[in-house]
Protein backbone atom coordinates (compact mmCIF):
# COMPACT_ATOMS: atom_id res chain seq x y z
CA MET A 1 -12.81 -6.80 -0.61
CA GLY A 2 -12.82 -3.78 1.83
CA PHE A 3 -12.58 -0.07 1.28
CA PHE A 4 -8.95 0.06 2.35
CA THR A 5 -7.70 -3.27 0.99
CA GLY A 6 -4.23 -2.66 -0.15
CA VAL A 7 -3.33 0.27 2.14
CA SER A 8 -0.69 -1.83 3.92
CA GLY A 9 1.43 -2.04 0.66
CA ILE A 10 1.12 1.70 -0.09
CA LYS A 11 3.54 4.44 0.95
CA ARG A 12 2.32 7.78 2.23
CA ASP A 13 2.10 10.72 -0.24
CA ASN A 14 2.97 14.25 0.66
CA SER A 15 0.36 15.66 -1.74
CA ASN A 16 -3.11 15.43 -0.29
CA ALA A 17 -6.05 15.75 -2.28
CA LYS A 18 -8.51 17.09 -4.63
CA SER A 19 -11.34 18.63 -2.77
CA GLU A 20 -14.09 20.88 -4.08
CA TRP A 21 -15.07 22.07 -0.58
CA PHE A 22 -11.86 23.55 0.82
CA ARG A 23 -10.85 26.94 -0.72
CA ASP A 24 -7.42 28.45 -0.79
CA GLY A 25 -5.98 29.09 2.66
CA LYS A 26 -4.40 27.61 5.81
CA TYR A 27 -6.84 26.51 8.55
CA LEU A 28 -7.06 25.01 11.87
CA VAL A 29 -9.94 22.47 11.64
CA GLU A 30 -11.70 20.29 14.06
CA ILE A 31 -12.64 16.81 12.75
CA ASN A 32 -16.44 16.08 12.74
CA LYS A 33 -16.44 12.71 11.12
CA LEU A 34 -14.59 10.36 8.84
CA GLU A 35 -16.80 8.27 6.43
CA ALA A 36 -16.11 5.51 3.86
CA ARG A 37 -18.99 4.91 1.46
CA ASN A 38 -19.81 4.14 -2.16
CA LYS A 39 -20.56 6.94 -4.65
CA ARG A 40 -24.22 6.99 -5.67
CA ALA A 41 -23.43 7.58 -9.27
CA ASN A 42 -21.12 4.54 -9.93
CA GLY A 43 -20.87 2.60 -6.63
CA GLN A 44 -17.10 3.22 -6.45
CA PRO A 45 -15.63 3.65 -2.83
CA ILE A 46 -14.74 7.03 -1.55
CA ALA A 47 -13.27 8.30 1.75
CA ILE A 48 -14.62 11.62 3.23
CA VAL A 49 -13.22 13.83 6.03
CA GLU A 50 -15.75 16.28 7.41
CA ALA A 51 -14.49 19.16 9.59
CA TYR A 52 -15.31 22.59 10.83
CA ILE A 53 -12.96 25.65 10.36
CA VAL A 54 -11.87 26.64 13.84
CA GLU A 55 -9.44 29.42 12.76
CA VAL A 56 -8.16 30.78 9.49
CA LEU A 57 -4.47 30.78 9.90
CA VAL A 58 -3.63 32.26 6.39
CA SER A 59 -6.31 33.71 4.23
CA THR A 60 -6.79 34.63 0.57
CA ASP A 61 -9.63 36.48 -1.02
CA ALA A 62 -11.48 33.19 -1.47
CA SER A 63 -10.72 31.46 1.92
CA ASN A 64 -13.34 29.58 3.83
CA ASN A 65 -14.57 31.28 6.99
CA GLU A 66 -14.40 30.33 10.65
CA GLY A 67 -17.33 28.10 11.61
CA GLU A 68 -17.84 26.63 8.09
CA LYS A 69 -18.23 22.95 7.62
CA VAL A 70 -15.87 21.53 4.95
CA ALA A 71 -15.44 18.21 3.40
CA TRP A 72 -12.42 16.58 1.63
CA PHE A 73 -13.18 13.56 -0.66
CA ASN A 74 -10.82 10.91 -1.92
CA ASP A 75 -11.50 8.53 -4.72
CA LEU A 76 -10.72 4.86 -3.81
CA SER A 77 -11.92 3.42 -7.04
CA ARG A 78 -11.08 -0.10 -8.21
CA LYS A 79 -10.97 -1.86 -11.49
CA PRO A 80 -13.33 -4.85 -12.32
CA ASP A 81 -10.49 -7.16 -11.18
CA GLU A 82 -10.63 -5.33 -7.77
CA ASN A 83 -7.16 -3.71 -8.21
CA LEU A 84 -6.89 -0.02 -7.52
CA THR A 85 -7.31 2.44 -10.38
CA GLU A 86 -4.54 5.07 -10.74
CA SER A 87 -6.93 7.53 -9.00
CA GLY A 88 -7.84 4.98 -6.34
CA GLU A 89 -4.10 4.40 -5.49
CA ARG A 90 -3.60 8.19 -5.32
CA GLY A 91 -6.55 8.47 -3.06
CA LEU A 92 -5.22 5.73 -0.75
CA LYS A 93 -1.88 7.41 -0.62
CA ARG A 94 -3.54 10.70 0.54
CA ILE A 95 -5.68 8.82 3.14
CA LYS A 96 -2.65 7.12 4.53
CA THR A 97 -0.80 10.55 4.79
CA PHE A 98 -3.89 12.18 6.48
CA ILE A 99 -4.17 9.16 9.00
CA ALA A 100 -0.43 9.44 9.73
CA GLU A 101 -0.93 13.16 10.57
CA LEU A 102 -4.17 12.43 12.48
CA LEU A 103 -2.19 10.08 14.73
CA GLY A 104 0.50 12.68 15.37
CA GLY A 105 2.80 12.32 12.34
CA ASP A 106 6.48 11.83 12.10
CA SER A 107 7.12 13.65 15.41
CA LYS A 108 5.04 10.96 17.19
CA GLY A 109 6.94 8.18 15.33
CA VAL A 110 3.95 7.12 13.15
CA LYS A 111 5.16 4.70 10.46
CA ASP A 112 3.56 3.53 7.16
CA GLU A 113 3.18 -0.03 8.61
CA ASP A 114 1.11 1.47 11.55
CA ILE A 115 -1.67 2.45 9.02
CA THR A 116 -3.29 -0.87 8.22
CA GLU A 117 -6.57 -1.82 6.52
CA GLU A 118 -8.05 -2.58 9.95
CA VAL A 119 -6.93 0.95 11.26
CA CYS A 120 -8.60 2.70 8.22
CA ASN A 121 -11.77 0.72 8.52
CA GLN A 122 -12.08 1.60 12.14
CA LEU A 123 -11.29 5.36 11.75
CA PHE A 124 -13.65 5.73 8.68
CA GLY A 125 -16.41 3.77 10.35
CA ALA A 126 -16.33 0.93 7.86
CA ALA A 127 -15.75 -1.76 10.62
CA ASP A 128 -18.38 -3.28 12.83
CA GLY A 129 -18.75 -1.23 16.08
CA TYR A 130 -17.22 1.99 14.65
CA THR A 131 -19.10 5.07 13.52
CA GLY A 132 -16.46 7.23 12.00
CA GLU A 133 -17.00 9.80 14.76
CA GLU A 134 -14.21 8.30 17.06
CA THR A 135 -11.91 11.20 16.05
CA LYS A 136 -14.57 13.94 16.51
CA GLY A 137 -12.94 16.96 18.02
CA VAL A 138 -9.40 16.13 16.95
CA ARG A 139 -7.74 19.34 15.59
CA MET A 140 -5.51 19.47 12.57
CA VAL A 141 -4.05 21.99 10.19
CA ALA A 142 -5.22 21.94 6.61
CA GLU A 143 -3.56 23.96 3.90
CA ALA A 144 -5.53 24.18 0.60
CA ARG A 145 -4.05 25.36 -2.58
CA THR A 146 -5.63 25.58 -6.02
CA ARG A 147 -3.59 24.77 -9.10
CA VAL A 148 -4.24 24.12 -12.84
CA SER A 149 -3.63 20.59 -13.99
CA SER A 150 -1.02 20.28 -16.75
CA SER A 151 -2.84 17.44 -18.42
CA THR A 152 -6.43 18.74 -18.35
CA ASN A 153 -5.92 22.43 -17.93
CA LYS A 154 -8.59 22.44 -15.22
CA PRO A 155 -8.16 23.86 -11.72
CA PHE A 156 -8.03 21.44 -8.75
CA THR A 157 -7.47 21.96 -5.04
CA SER A 158 -4.89 20.15 -3.09
CA VAL A 159 -5.28 19.93 0.71
CA TYR A 160 -2.09 19.35 2.72
CA TRP A 161 -2.72 17.99 6.28
CA SER A 162 -0.45 18.26 9.35
CA SER A 163 -0.85 17.46 13.03
CA ALA A 164 -1.89 20.42 15.15
CA ASN A 165 0.20 19.06 18.00
């Protein structure tokens, strides 16, 4: 069972992701590395996007600064039967949306079926011969917004990605 098993049967999600590293604002970012690995604490899979802030497009009092390295984490957790957890499915949807935008988005004709397990494994360095640095230097727009969860009453940050093209 691979990190991205099941991505072919998932539709993209327009709400991207809880991330403790991005702060509110809109940014032009440059991808540094994409990485798939297991969490140290529980061994569950995660997908990570590392980037640098190139330009702050819209700032708030708490925005990241130009030049800062930021990370966006997505839980890809699975149940003991290898099916995705609710959180893991949400993470795969966000990753699929991110990859679609990374590849140029709807304006370039990227379709859900273009984003397969193989493509994900290659981009995130989880396939033999790939390092996760193949997209290094690609620029994207990331918009981060902090909200409060209606179920837990705790703040979380959503990151919305779009192609910079």
